[in-house]
Every structure is written in structure tokens, then in C-alpha cells.
Amino acid sequence: MIEGTAFALFLSGALLLNITPGPDMAFTLASSARGGTRAGIAAALGVGAGALGWAVAAAAGLAALLAASDHALTIIKIAGGLYLLYLAVRVIMEKKAPPEMSGAGGGLKAFRAGMLTNLLNPKVGLFFLAFLPGFVQPEAGSPAFQIFVLGAIFSFTGTCVLIAVAAAAGALRARFVEDPRAQKGMKALSASVYGGLGLYLLTAPSK
């Protein structure tokens, strides 16, 4: 499996991305506001299930690309690095925070809505293909299996973060949604994380 240093970097990057406010966090916050903490937790679990679905799709897609070309992994890493740098620039250029989603009330409804919100967002799949292959090490085993494992870990850590957000929805909502200074700080964090990971993918040697 992936060696310790690369895995530690992946886990650090994943956690930073997980705590960065985005549509999934906004949906969880809004669901908590509408249906209480249980609805927020259900929404978080639904988002996690959707992300796990994207991990499976990313692993299958990578397997197909590697079967077609020996250089596919290097090309994906370069493309992924450029995409993450694009995300960093876009975050910096945004003048307004993304509009908050309306959320969903009720446990099952919130779970279903969270899963569909994630699965029907092609940007999630594109992000998985941009981010995860940068930490794949061909000598450590099947790249497709590594992608799935990394995606599952990313989904798990993200779900844990969203559950924590749901449990403290009131305080986090006021802090992240209504405070302009917090929004600017999180924008700076988002741009730094995307930019740093993008540079890593572009400069890390292909093994």
C-alpha cells in the first residue's frame, strides 16, 4: 500500500479539504437548520455515500485509462494538478460565496437528498480524478484499488467532519455563513489548499 509520507500528505490534504466550506457543508448546515441535528447527520451520511460512489467510479475510470495507455497515470496527475490550480484561482476570483443550499428535513429524505446532491454533481467526480491519482504509487499494488481506498478514506473523513458540523450547526452557521471575515479566511484557506496540492501533483516525480 502507499508509503507513510505520501499517505500522511494525502490525509492532511483530505482533512483540510473536508473542513473547507462548500456545497456539501452548506447542505448539511441547511438540513440541520430545517430538520434538527438528526436531519443534518442523515444529510452528512448521504453525502458520504455519494462520495463513496464517486470513489468507485474514479477507480473504474482509472483502471480503464491505465489499460489504454502506460502513460495515463502521469497525464492524469498533470491534468489534476492544473485543475486544482484552476480551482485555487477561481476561489480567489470569486466575489461572493456560493449560495447556500436549501437543505432537507427528515432523516431518510435528508440522506437521499444528500446522496443525490453529491452523485449528481459531476465536479465531485472530476475532483476525485484530479486529486486522488496524485498519491497513487504503482509499485504499491493496483492503482485502481489504491484510488478506491483513498476515495473511501476521503469519504469517511469528510462524513465525520460533516457529522461534527451537523452536531454544532447553530454555531458553525453563524460563523461560516454570516460572518464576512470568516468567509474571507476560508476562501484564503481553500485557495491555499487547492494551490498547494496542485503544485504537489505537478512537481512530484512519477515512479
N, C-alpha and C. Protein backbone atom coordinates (compact mmCIF):
# COMPACT_ATOMS: atom_id res chain seq x y z
N MET A 1 0.85 -1.20 0.00
CA MET A 1 0.00 0.00 0.00
C MET A 1 0.88 1.24 0.00
N ILE A 2 0.29 2.42 0.00
CA ILE A 2 1.00 3.68 -0.11
C ILE A 2 1.93 3.87 1.08
N GLU A 3 3.17 4.34 0.81
CA GLU A 3 4.13 4.53 1.89
C GLU A 3 3.73 5.69 2.79
N GLY A 4 4.31 5.70 4.00
CA GLY A 4 3.85 6.58 5.07
C GLY A 4 3.82 8.05 4.76
N THR A 5 4.88 8.59 4.16
CA THR A 5 4.95 10.03 3.91
C THR A 5 3.87 10.49 2.96
N ALA A 6 3.70 9.75 1.85
CA ALA A 6 2.68 10.11 0.88
C ALA A 6 1.29 10.00 1.48
N PHE A 7 1.07 8.96 2.29
CA PHE A 7 -0.24 8.79 2.91
C PHE A 7 -0.52 9.90 3.91
N ALA A 8 0.49 10.30 4.67
CA ALA A 8 0.31 11.39 5.64
C ALA A 8 -0.03 12.69 4.91
N LEU A 9 0.61 12.93 3.77
CA LEU A 9 0.31 14.13 2.99
C LEU A 9 -1.11 14.07 2.45
N PHE A 10 -1.50 12.89 1.95
CA PHE A 10 -2.86 12.73 1.45
C PHE A 10 -3.87 12.99 2.55
N LEU A 11 -3.65 12.39 3.73
CA LEU A 11 -4.60 12.53 4.82
C LEU A 11 -4.70 13.98 5.28
N SER A 12 -3.55 14.67 5.33
CA SER A 12 -3.56 16.08 5.72
C SER A 12 -4.35 16.92 4.71
N GLY A 13 -4.08 16.68 3.42
CA GLY A 13 -4.80 17.41 2.38
C GLY A 13 -6.28 17.11 2.40
N ALA A 14 -6.62 15.83 2.61
CA ALA A 14 -8.03 15.43 2.65
C ALA A 14 -8.77 16.13 3.79
N LEU A 15 -8.15 16.15 4.97
CA LEU A 15 -8.79 16.79 6.12
C LEU A 15 -8.96 18.29 5.91
N LEU A 16 -7.96 18.93 5.31
CA LEU A 16 -8.07 20.36 5.03
C LEU A 16 -9.20 20.63 4.05
N LEU A 17 -9.31 19.78 3.03
CA LEU A 17 -10.39 19.93 2.06
C LEU A 17 -11.75 19.64 2.71
N ASN A 18 -11.78 18.67 3.61
CA ASN A 18 -13.03 18.31 4.28
C ASN A 18 -13.59 19.46 5.10
N ILE A 19 -12.70 20.22 5.76
CA ILE A 19 -13.18 21.30 6.64
C ILE A 19 -13.42 22.60 5.90
N THR A 20 -13.08 22.63 4.60
CA THR A 20 -13.30 23.83 3.81
C THR A 20 -14.77 23.91 3.40
N PRO A 21 -15.48 24.97 3.77
CA PRO A 21 -16.91 25.06 3.43
C PRO A 21 -17.16 24.97 1.92
N GLY A 22 -18.18 24.23 1.55
CA GLY A 22 -18.57 24.08 0.16
C GLY A 22 -20.03 23.66 0.11
N PRO A 23 -20.52 23.24 -1.05
CA PRO A 23 -21.92 22.84 -1.19
C PRO A 23 -22.35 21.75 -0.22
N ASP A 24 -21.48 20.73 0.01
CA ASP A 24 -21.86 19.65 0.92
C ASP A 24 -22.04 20.16 2.35
N MET A 25 -21.13 21.03 2.79
CA MET A 25 -21.25 21.58 4.14
C MET A 25 -22.46 22.50 4.24
N ALA A 26 -22.69 23.29 3.19
CA ALA A 26 -23.84 24.18 3.19
C ALA A 26 -25.14 23.38 3.26
N PHE A 27 -25.19 22.27 2.52
CA PHE A 27 -26.38 21.42 2.53
C PHE A 27 -26.60 20.81 3.92
N THR A 28 -25.52 20.36 4.54
CA THR A 28 -25.62 19.78 5.89
C THR A 28 -26.10 20.81 6.90
N LEU A 29 -25.53 22.02 6.83
CA LEU A 29 -25.94 23.10 7.72
C LEU A 29 -27.43 23.42 7.54
N ALA A 30 -27.84 23.53 6.27
CA ALA A 30 -29.22 23.89 6.00
C ALA A 30 -30.18 22.79 6.43
N SER A 31 -29.77 21.53 6.26
CA SER A 31 -30.61 20.41 6.69
C SER A 31 -30.77 20.40 8.21
N SER A 32 -29.68 20.71 8.92
CA SER A 32 -29.76 20.81 10.38
C SER A 32 -30.69 21.93 10.80
N ALA A 33 -30.62 23.04 10.05
CA ALA A 33 -31.49 24.18 10.39
C ALA A 33 -32.95 23.84 10.18
N ARG A 34 -33.25 23.04 9.15
CA ARG A 34 -34.65 22.70 8.84
C ARG A 34 -35.18 21.56 9.68
N GLY A 35 -34.37 20.51 9.85
CA GLY A 35 -34.89 19.30 10.49
C GLY A 35 -34.20 18.91 11.77
N GLY A 36 -33.29 19.74 12.28
CA GLY A 36 -32.59 19.41 13.51
C GLY A 36 -31.32 18.62 13.26
N THR A 37 -30.64 18.29 14.35
CA THR A 37 -29.34 17.62 14.26
C THR A 37 -29.45 16.27 13.55
N ARG A 38 -30.51 15.50 13.83
CA ARG A 38 -30.65 14.18 13.19
C ARG A 38 -30.73 14.31 11.68
N ALA A 39 -31.45 15.32 11.19
CA ALA A 39 -31.54 15.53 9.74
C ALA A 39 -30.17 15.92 9.19
N GLY A 40 -29.43 16.75 9.92
CA GLY A 40 -28.09 17.13 9.48
C GLY A 40 -27.15 15.95 9.39
N ILE A 41 -27.21 15.07 10.41
CA ILE A 41 -26.36 13.88 10.38
C ILE A 41 -26.76 12.96 9.23
N ALA A 42 -28.06 12.82 8.99
CA ALA A 42 -28.52 11.99 7.87
C ALA A 42 -28.03 12.56 6.55
N ALA A 43 -28.07 13.88 6.41
CA ALA A 43 -27.57 14.53 5.20
C ALA A 43 -26.07 14.26 5.04
N ALA A 44 -25.32 14.32 6.14
CA ALA A 44 -23.89 14.06 6.09
C ALA A 44 -23.60 12.63 5.64
N LEU A 45 -24.37 11.67 6.17
CA LEU A 45 -24.20 10.27 5.77
C LEU A 45 -24.54 10.08 4.30
N GLY A 46 -25.56 10.79 3.82
CA GLY A 46 -25.92 10.71 2.41
C GLY A 46 -24.83 11.25 1.51
N VAL A 47 -24.26 12.38 1.91
CA VAL A 47 -23.14 12.96 1.14
C VAL A 47 -21.97 11.98 1.11
N GLY A 48 -21.68 11.33 2.25
CA GLY A 48 -20.60 10.36 2.30
C GLY A 48 -20.86 9.17 1.39
N ALA A 49 -22.11 8.71 1.34
CA ALA A 49 -22.46 7.60 0.44
C ALA A 49 -22.26 8.00 -1.02
N GLY A 50 -22.63 9.23 -1.35
CA GLY A 50 -22.42 9.71 -2.71
C GLY A 50 -20.95 9.79 -3.06
N ALA A 51 -20.14 10.27 -2.12
CA ALA A 51 -18.70 10.36 -2.36
C ALA A 51 -18.09 8.97 -2.55
N LEU A 52 -18.59 7.99 -1.81
CA LEU A 52 -18.10 6.63 -1.97
C LEU A 52 -18.44 6.10 -3.36
N GLY A 53 -19.62 6.48 -3.87
CA GLY A 53 -19.98 6.11 -5.23
C GLY A 53 -19.03 6.70 -6.25
N TRP A 54 -18.63 7.94 -6.03
CA TRP A 54 -17.66 8.58 -6.93
C TRP A 54 -16.30 7.90 -6.83
N ALA A 55 -15.94 7.41 -5.64
CA ALA A 55 -14.66 6.71 -5.48
C ALA A 55 -14.64 5.44 -6.33
N VAL A 56 -15.76 4.72 -6.34
CA VAL A 56 -15.86 3.53 -7.18
C VAL A 56 -15.75 3.89 -8.65
N ALA A 57 -16.45 4.96 -9.05
CA ALA A 57 -16.41 5.40 -10.45
C ALA A 57 -15.02 5.85 -10.84
N ALA A 58 -14.33 6.58 -9.95
CA ALA A 58 -12.98 7.05 -10.24
C ALA A 58 -12.02 5.87 -10.39
N ALA A 59 -12.16 4.86 -9.52
CA ALA A 59 -11.30 3.68 -9.61
C ALA A 59 -11.53 2.94 -10.92
N ALA A 60 -12.79 2.78 -11.31
CA ALA A 60 -13.09 2.10 -12.57
C ALA A 60 -12.58 2.89 -13.76
N GLY A 61 -12.75 4.21 -13.70
CA GLY A 61 -12.27 5.05 -14.79
C GLY A 61 -10.77 5.02 -14.92
N LEU A 62 -10.06 5.04 -13.80
CA LEU A 62 -8.60 4.98 -13.84
C LEU A 62 -8.13 3.64 -14.38
N ALA A 63 -8.80 2.56 -13.98
CA ALA A 63 -8.42 1.24 -14.47
C ALA A 63 -8.53 1.18 -15.99
N ALA A 64 -9.61 1.76 -16.52
CA ALA A 64 -9.81 1.76 -17.97
C ALA A 64 -8.73 2.59 -18.67
N LEU A 65 -8.39 3.74 -18.10
CA LEU A 65 -7.37 4.60 -18.71
C LEU A 65 -6.00 3.94 -18.68
N LEU A 66 -5.67 3.27 -17.57
CA LEU A 66 -4.37 2.61 -17.47
C LEU A 66 -4.28 1.44 -18.45
N ALA A 67 -5.40 0.78 -18.69
CA ALA A 67 -5.41 -0.32 -19.65
C ALA A 67 -5.17 0.18 -21.07
N ALA A 68 -5.55 1.45 -21.32
CA ALA A 68 -5.42 2.01 -22.65
C ALA A 68 -4.04 2.61 -22.90
N SER A 69 -3.36 3.06 -21.82
CA SER A 69 -2.08 3.74 -22.01
C SER A 69 -1.19 3.57 -20.79
N ASP A 70 0.10 3.30 -21.05
CA ASP A 70 1.06 3.15 -19.95
C ASP A 70 1.35 4.50 -19.29
N HIS A 71 1.13 5.60 -20.01
CA HIS A 71 1.44 6.93 -19.51
C HIS A 71 0.21 7.65 -18.95
N ALA A 72 -0.90 6.92 -18.85
CA ALA A 72 -2.15 7.56 -18.43
C ALA A 72 -2.05 8.18 -17.04
N LEU A 73 -1.37 7.48 -16.11
CA LEU A 73 -1.29 7.98 -14.74
C LEU A 73 -0.55 9.29 -14.67
N THR A 74 0.56 9.40 -15.43
CA THR A 74 1.33 10.66 -15.45
C THR A 74 0.49 11.78 -16.04
N ILE A 75 -0.22 11.49 -17.12
CA ILE A 75 -1.06 12.51 -17.77
C ILE A 75 -2.17 12.96 -16.81
N ILE A 76 -2.78 12.01 -16.09
CA ILE A 76 -3.85 12.34 -15.15
C ILE A 76 -3.30 13.21 -14.01
N LYS A 77 -2.10 12.88 -13.53
CA LYS A 77 -1.51 13.68 -12.45
C LYS A 77 -1.28 15.12 -12.89
N ILE A 78 -0.76 15.30 -14.10
CA ILE A 78 -0.52 16.66 -14.61
C ILE A 78 -1.83 17.41 -14.79
N ALA A 79 -2.81 16.73 -15.41
CA ALA A 79 -4.11 17.36 -15.61
C ALA A 79 -4.76 17.68 -14.26
N GLY A 80 -4.61 16.78 -13.30
CA GLY A 80 -5.18 17.02 -11.98
C GLY A 80 -4.53 18.19 -11.28
N GLY A 81 -3.21 18.30 -11.41
CA GLY A 81 -2.51 19.43 -10.81
C GLY A 81 -2.97 20.75 -11.39
N LEU A 82 -3.13 20.79 -12.71
CA LEU A 82 -3.60 22.01 -13.37
C LEU A 82 -5.03 22.35 -12.96
N TYR A 83 -5.86 21.32 -12.82
CA TYR A 83 -7.25 21.56 -12.40
C TYR A 83 -7.32 22.12 -10.99
N LEU A 84 -6.50 21.59 -10.08
CA LEU A 84 -6.51 22.10 -8.71
C LEU A 84 -5.99 23.54 -8.65
N LEU A 85 -5.02 23.87 -9.48
CA LEU A 85 -4.55 25.27 -9.55
C LEU A 85 -5.67 26.16 -10.09
N TYR A 86 -6.42 25.65 -11.07
CA TYR A 86 -7.58 26.41 -11.57
C TYR A 86 -8.59 26.66 -10.47
N LEU A 87 -8.85 25.64 -9.64
CA LEU A 87 -9.79 25.82 -8.53
C LEU A 87 -9.28 26.89 -7.57
N ALA A 88 -7.96 26.91 -7.32
CA ALA A 88 -7.40 27.91 -6.42
C ALA A 88 -7.61 29.32 -6.96
N VAL A 89 -7.37 29.50 -8.26
CA VAL A 89 -7.56 30.82 -8.88
C VAL A 89 -9.03 31.21 -8.85
N ARG A 90 -9.92 30.24 -9.12
CA ARG A 90 -11.36 30.54 -9.14
C ARG A 90 -11.84 30.98 -7.76
N VAL A 91 -11.35 30.31 -6.71
CA VAL A 91 -11.74 30.69 -5.35
C VAL A 91 -11.31 32.13 -5.07
N ILE A 92 -10.08 32.47 -5.48
CA ILE A 92 -9.57 33.82 -5.24
C ILE A 92 -10.39 34.86 -5.99
N MET A 93 -10.81 34.51 -7.21
CA MET A 93 -11.52 35.48 -8.06
C MET A 93 -12.98 35.64 -7.69
N GLU A 94 -13.55 34.67 -6.96
CA GLU A 94 -14.97 34.76 -6.60
C GLU A 94 -15.22 35.96 -5.70
N LYS A 95 -16.19 36.78 -6.07
CA LYS A 95 -16.52 37.95 -5.28
C LYS A 95 -17.55 37.64 -4.20
N LYS A 96 -18.35 36.59 -4.43
CA LYS A 96 -19.37 36.21 -3.47
C LYS A 96 -19.23 34.74 -3.13
N ALA A 97 -19.61 34.40 -1.91
CA ALA A 97 -19.62 33.00 -1.52
C ALA A 97 -20.73 32.27 -2.28
N PRO A 98 -20.57 30.98 -2.57
CA PRO A 98 -21.62 30.24 -3.26
C PRO A 98 -22.93 30.31 -2.48
N PRO A 99 -24.06 30.41 -3.15
CA PRO A 99 -25.33 30.48 -2.43
C PRO A 99 -25.57 29.24 -1.60
N GLU A 100 -26.15 29.42 -0.44
CA GLU A 100 -26.41 28.30 0.47
C GLU A 100 -27.55 27.45 -0.07
N MET A 101 -27.40 26.16 0.06
CA MET A 101 -28.44 25.26 -0.41
C MET A 101 -29.58 25.23 0.58
N SER A 102 -30.75 24.81 0.14
CA SER A 102 -31.94 24.88 0.97
C SER A 102 -32.04 23.78 2.02
N GLY A 103 -31.28 22.70 1.84
CA GLY A 103 -31.31 21.63 2.83
C GLY A 103 -32.55 20.75 2.69
N ALA A 104 -32.66 19.76 3.60
CA ALA A 104 -33.80 18.84 3.58
C ALA A 104 -34.15 18.48 5.01
N GLY A 105 -35.43 18.35 5.28
CA GLY A 105 -35.88 17.96 6.60
C GLY A 105 -36.21 16.48 6.65
N GLY A 106 -36.06 15.86 7.82
CA GLY A 106 -36.37 14.44 7.95
C GLY A 106 -35.17 13.57 7.64
N GLY A 107 -34.98 12.48 8.40
CA GLY A 107 -33.79 11.65 8.27
C GLY A 107 -33.61 11.01 6.91
N LEU A 108 -34.58 10.20 6.46
CA LEU A 108 -34.45 9.49 5.19
C LEU A 108 -34.40 10.46 4.02
N LYS A 109 -35.25 11.48 4.06
CA LYS A 109 -35.26 12.47 2.98
C LYS A 109 -33.93 13.20 2.91
N ALA A 110 -33.38 13.54 4.07
CA ALA A 110 -32.10 14.25 4.09
C ALA A 110 -30.98 13.35 3.57
N PHE A 111 -31.01 12.06 3.95
CA PHE A 111 -29.98 11.13 3.47
C PHE A 111 -30.05 11.00 1.95
N ARG A 112 -31.26 10.79 1.43
CA ARG A 112 -31.44 10.62 -0.01
C ARG A 112 -31.02 11.88 -0.77
N ALA A 113 -31.43 13.02 -0.24
CA ALA A 113 -31.09 14.28 -0.90
C ALA A 113 -29.59 14.53 -0.87
N GLY A 114 -28.95 14.22 0.27
CA GLY A 114 -27.50 14.41 0.36
C GLY A 114 -26.75 13.53 -0.61
N MET A 115 -27.18 12.28 -0.73
CA MET A 115 -26.52 11.36 -1.65
C MET A 115 -26.71 11.81 -3.10
N LEU A 116 -27.93 12.19 -3.47
CA LEU A 116 -28.19 12.62 -4.84
C LEU A 116 -27.48 13.93 -5.16
N THR A 117 -27.44 14.84 -4.18
CA THR A 117 -26.75 16.12 -4.39
C THR A 117 -25.29 15.87 -4.74
N ASN A 118 -24.68 14.89 -4.07
CA ASN A 118 -23.28 14.60 -4.33
C ASN A 118 -23.09 13.81 -5.62
N LEU A 119 -23.92 12.78 -5.82
CA LEU A 119 -23.77 11.94 -7.01
C LEU A 119 -24.06 12.68 -8.31
N LEU A 120 -24.98 13.63 -8.27
CA LEU A 120 -25.37 14.35 -9.48
C LEU A 120 -24.52 15.58 -9.74
N ASN A 121 -23.46 15.75 -8.95
CA ASN A 121 -22.54 16.87 -9.17
C ASN A 121 -21.28 16.35 -9.87
N PRO A 122 -21.16 16.53 -11.19
CA PRO A 122 -20.01 15.98 -11.91
C PRO A 122 -18.68 16.57 -11.45
N LYS A 123 -18.72 17.74 -10.80
CA LYS A 123 -17.48 18.33 -10.31
C LYS A 123 -16.84 17.47 -9.22
N VAL A 124 -17.66 16.70 -8.50
CA VAL A 124 -17.12 15.81 -7.47
C VAL A 124 -16.29 14.71 -8.13
N GLY A 125 -16.83 14.10 -9.17
CA GLY A 125 -16.09 13.07 -9.89
C GLY A 125 -14.81 13.62 -10.51
N LEU A 126 -14.90 14.82 -11.09
CA LEU A 126 -13.73 15.44 -11.70
C LEU A 126 -12.68 15.72 -10.62
N PHE A 127 -13.14 16.17 -9.45
CA PHE A 127 -12.20 16.44 -8.37
C PHE A 127 -11.52 15.15 -7.91
N PHE A 128 -12.27 14.06 -7.79
CA PHE A 128 -11.67 12.80 -7.38
C PHE A 128 -10.58 12.37 -8.36
N LEU A 129 -10.86 12.50 -9.65
CA LEU A 129 -9.86 12.12 -10.66
C LEU A 129 -8.67 13.06 -10.66
N ALA A 130 -8.88 14.30 -10.20
CA ALA A 130 -7.78 15.26 -10.15
C ALA A 130 -6.92 15.05 -8.91
N PHE A 131 -7.55 14.77 -7.78
CA PHE A 131 -6.85 14.73 -6.50
C PHE A 131 -6.24 13.38 -6.18
N LEU A 132 -7.01 12.31 -6.30
CA LEU A 132 -6.57 11.01 -5.80
C LEU A 132 -5.39 10.39 -6.56
N PRO A 133 -5.35 10.46 -7.91
CA PRO A 133 -4.23 9.80 -8.61
C PRO A 133 -2.86 10.35 -8.23
N GLY A 134 -2.79 11.57 -7.71
CA GLY A 134 -1.50 12.13 -7.33
C GLY A 134 -0.82 11.37 -6.21
N PHE A 135 -1.55 10.54 -5.50
CA PHE A 135 -0.99 9.80 -4.37
C PHE A 135 -0.89 8.30 -4.66
N VAL A 136 -1.17 7.93 -5.89
CA VAL A 136 -1.07 6.53 -6.29
C VAL A 136 0.39 6.17 -6.53
N GLN A 137 0.80 5.01 -6.04
CA GLN A 137 2.16 4.51 -6.25
C GLN A 137 2.07 3.15 -6.92
N PRO A 138 2.34 3.09 -8.23
CA PRO A 138 2.16 1.84 -8.98
C PRO A 138 2.87 0.65 -8.37
N GLU A 139 4.04 0.89 -7.75
CA GLU A 139 4.78 -0.24 -7.17
C GLU A 139 4.12 -0.78 -5.91
N ALA A 140 3.12 -0.05 -5.38
CA ALA A 140 2.46 -0.47 -4.14
C ALA A 140 1.24 -1.36 -4.40
N GLY A 141 0.96 -1.66 -5.66
CA GLY A 141 -0.18 -2.51 -5.97
C GLY A 141 -1.09 -1.89 -7.01
N SER A 142 -2.28 -2.42 -7.15
CA SER A 142 -3.22 -1.98 -8.17
C SER A 142 -3.57 -0.50 -8.00
N PRO A 143 -3.29 0.35 -9.00
CA PRO A 143 -3.64 1.77 -8.90
C PRO A 143 -5.14 1.98 -8.70
N ALA A 144 -5.95 1.17 -9.39
CA ALA A 144 -7.40 1.32 -9.25
C ALA A 144 -7.84 1.03 -7.82
N PHE A 145 -7.25 -0.01 -7.22
CA PHE A 145 -7.60 -0.34 -5.83
C PHE A 145 -7.15 0.77 -4.89
N GLN A 146 -5.97 1.33 -5.15
CA GLN A 146 -5.49 2.44 -4.32
C GLN A 146 -6.43 3.64 -4.42
N ILE A 147 -6.90 3.92 -5.63
CA ILE A 147 -7.85 5.03 -5.82
C ILE A 147 -9.11 4.79 -5.00
N PHE A 148 -9.61 3.57 -5.03
CA PHE A 148 -10.82 3.26 -4.27
C PHE A 148 -10.59 3.44 -2.77
N VAL A 149 -9.47 2.92 -2.27
CA VAL A 149 -9.17 3.03 -0.84
C VAL A 149 -9.01 4.50 -0.44
N LEU A 150 -8.27 5.27 -1.24
CA LEU A 150 -8.10 6.70 -0.93
C LEU A 150 -9.44 7.42 -0.98
N GLY A 151 -10.25 7.08 -1.97
CA GLY A 151 -11.57 7.70 -2.08
C GLY A 151 -12.46 7.35 -0.89
N ALA A 152 -12.37 6.09 -0.44
CA ALA A 152 -13.17 5.66 0.71
C ALA A 152 -12.72 6.39 1.97
N ILE A 153 -11.41 6.57 2.12
CA ILE A 153 -10.89 7.30 3.28
C ILE A 153 -11.34 8.76 3.23
N PHE A 154 -11.26 9.37 2.04
CA PHE A 154 -11.69 10.75 1.87
C PHE A 154 -13.18 10.89 2.21
N SER A 155 -13.97 9.92 1.76
CA SER A 155 -15.40 9.93 2.06
C SER A 155 -15.65 9.80 3.56
N PHE A 156 -14.89 8.89 4.22
CA PHE A 156 -15.07 8.68 5.65
C PHE A 156 -14.71 9.92 6.46
N THR A 157 -13.54 10.50 6.15
CA THR A 157 -13.13 11.69 6.91
C THR A 157 -14.08 12.85 6.66
N GLY A 158 -14.53 12.98 5.42
CA GLY A 158 -15.48 14.05 5.09
C GLY A 158 -16.80 13.87 5.82
N THR A 159 -17.26 12.62 5.91
CA THR A 159 -18.51 12.34 6.62
C THR A 159 -18.38 12.67 8.10
N CYS A 160 -17.24 12.32 8.69
CA CYS A 160 -17.01 12.63 10.10
C CYS A 160 -17.04 14.14 10.34
N VAL A 161 -16.41 14.89 9.44
CA VAL A 161 -16.41 16.35 9.57
C VAL A 161 -17.82 16.90 9.46
N LEU A 162 -18.59 16.40 8.49
CA LEU A 162 -19.95 16.89 8.31
C LEU A 162 -20.86 16.51 9.48
N ILE A 163 -20.63 15.35 10.08
CA ILE A 163 -21.41 14.99 11.26
C ILE A 163 -21.11 15.95 12.40
N ALA A 164 -19.84 16.32 12.54
CA ALA A 164 -19.48 17.30 13.57
C ALA A 164 -20.13 18.65 13.28
N VAL A 165 -20.18 19.00 11.99
CA VAL A 165 -20.83 20.25 11.60
C VAL A 165 -22.31 20.21 11.95
N ALA A 166 -22.96 19.09 11.68
CA ALA A 166 -24.39 18.95 11.98
C ALA A 166 -24.64 19.05 13.48
N ALA A 167 -23.72 18.47 14.28
CA ALA A 167 -23.90 18.47 15.73
C ALA A 167 -23.73 19.86 16.32
N ALA A 168 -23.02 20.73 15.62
CA ALA A 168 -22.80 22.09 16.11
C ALA A 168 -23.30 23.10 15.09
N ALA A 169 -24.42 22.77 14.46
CA ALA A 169 -24.91 23.55 13.31
C ALA A 169 -25.14 25.02 13.63
N GLY A 170 -25.70 25.32 14.77
CA GLY A 170 -26.01 26.71 15.08
C GLY A 170 -24.78 27.59 15.10
N ALA A 171 -23.76 27.17 15.83
CA ALA A 171 -22.54 27.97 15.95
C ALA A 171 -21.80 28.06 14.62
N LEU A 172 -21.71 26.93 13.91
CA LEU A 172 -20.99 26.94 12.64
C LEU A 172 -21.72 27.77 11.60
N ARG A 173 -23.04 27.72 11.62
CA ARG A 173 -23.81 28.51 10.65
C ARG A 173 -23.53 29.99 10.82
N ALA A 174 -23.55 30.46 12.05
CA ALA A 174 -23.28 31.86 12.30
C ALA A 174 -21.86 32.23 11.92
N ARG A 175 -20.94 31.33 12.16
CA ARG A 175 -19.53 31.62 11.92
C ARG A 175 -19.17 31.65 10.44
N PHE A 176 -19.62 30.61 9.70
CA PHE A 176 -19.19 30.46 8.32
C PHE A 176 -20.12 31.13 7.30
N VAL A 177 -21.40 31.18 7.61
CA VAL A 177 -22.35 31.68 6.62
C VAL A 177 -22.58 33.17 6.75
N GLU A 178 -22.60 33.68 7.99
CA GLU A 178 -22.98 35.06 8.20
C GLU A 178 -21.81 36.01 8.46
N ASP A 179 -20.64 35.51 8.82
CA ASP A 179 -19.50 36.36 9.16
C ASP A 179 -18.61 36.58 7.93
N PRO A 180 -18.57 37.80 7.37
CA PRO A 180 -17.76 38.06 6.17
C PRO A 180 -16.28 37.78 6.40
N ARG A 181 -15.78 38.07 7.60
CA ARG A 181 -14.36 37.83 7.88
C ARG A 181 -14.05 36.34 7.85
N ALA A 182 -14.95 35.53 8.37
CA ALA A 182 -14.75 34.08 8.33
C ALA A 182 -14.78 33.57 6.89
N GLN A 183 -15.68 34.14 6.07
CA GLN A 183 -15.77 33.72 4.68
C GLN A 183 -14.47 34.04 3.94
N LYS A 184 -13.90 35.23 4.22
CA LYS A 184 -12.64 35.59 3.57
C LYS A 184 -11.51 34.67 4.02
N GLY A 185 -11.51 34.35 5.31
CA GLY A 185 -10.48 33.46 5.82
C GLY A 185 -10.57 32.07 5.22
N MET A 186 -11.79 31.56 5.07
CA MET A 186 -11.96 30.24 4.49
C MET A 186 -11.67 30.24 3.00
N LYS A 187 -11.95 31.36 2.33
CA LYS A 187 -11.58 31.47 0.92
C LYS A 187 -10.06 31.38 0.77
N ALA A 188 -9.34 32.08 1.66
CA ALA A 188 -7.88 32.04 1.61
C ALA A 188 -7.38 30.63 1.89
N LEU A 189 -8.00 29.95 2.85
CA LEU A 189 -7.62 28.57 3.17
C LEU A 189 -7.89 27.66 1.97
N SER A 190 -9.06 27.81 1.36
CA SER A 190 -9.41 26.98 0.21
C SER A 190 -8.40 27.16 -0.92
N ALA A 191 -8.09 28.41 -1.25
CA ALA A 191 -7.15 28.69 -2.33
C ALA A 191 -5.77 28.11 -2.02
N SER A 192 -5.34 28.22 -0.75
CA SER A 192 -4.03 27.70 -0.36
C SER A 192 -3.98 26.18 -0.47
N VAL A 193 -5.05 25.52 -0.02
CA VAL A 193 -5.08 24.06 -0.08
C VAL A 193 -5.09 23.57 -1.52
N TYR A 194 -5.98 24.14 -2.34
CA TYR A 194 -6.04 23.73 -3.74
C TYR A 194 -4.71 24.01 -4.45
N GLY A 195 -4.17 25.20 -4.24
CA GLY A 195 -2.92 25.58 -4.90
C GLY A 195 -1.76 24.70 -4.47
N GLY A 196 -1.66 24.44 -3.15
CA GLY A 196 -0.57 23.61 -2.65
C GLY A 196 -0.64 22.19 -3.17
N LEU A 197 -1.84 21.61 -3.18
CA LEU A 197 -1.99 20.25 -3.70
C LEU A 197 -1.74 20.20 -5.20
N GLY A 198 -2.19 21.25 -5.91
CA GLY A 198 -1.95 21.29 -7.35
C GLY A 198 -0.47 21.33 -7.67
N LEU A 199 0.29 22.16 -6.94
CA LEU A 199 1.74 22.23 -7.15
C LEU A 199 2.41 20.91 -6.80
N TYR A 200 1.89 20.24 -5.76
CA TYR A 200 2.46 18.93 -5.40
C TYR A 200 2.30 17.94 -6.55
N LEU A 201 1.10 17.89 -7.12
CA LEU A 201 0.87 16.92 -8.21
C LEU A 201 1.74 17.23 -9.42
N LEU A 202 1.99 18.51 -9.67
CA LEU A 202 2.78 18.89 -10.84
C LEU A 202 4.28 18.67 -10.64
N THR A 203 4.73 18.69 -9.40
CA THR A 203 6.17 18.59 -9.14
C THR A 203 6.60 17.23 -8.60
N ALA A 204 5.66 16.45 -8.07
CA ALA A 204 6.03 15.14 -7.52
C ALA A 204 6.49 14.22 -8.63
N PRO A 205 7.61 13.53 -8.45
CA PRO A 205 8.10 12.64 -9.50
C PRO A 205 7.19 11.45 -9.71
N SER A 206 7.03 11.04 -10.95
CA SER A 206 6.24 9.84 -11.24
C SER A 206 7.14 8.63 -11.10
N LYS A 207 6.67 7.66 -10.31
CA LYS A 207 7.50 6.48 -10.05
C LYS A 207 7.13 5.34 -10.97
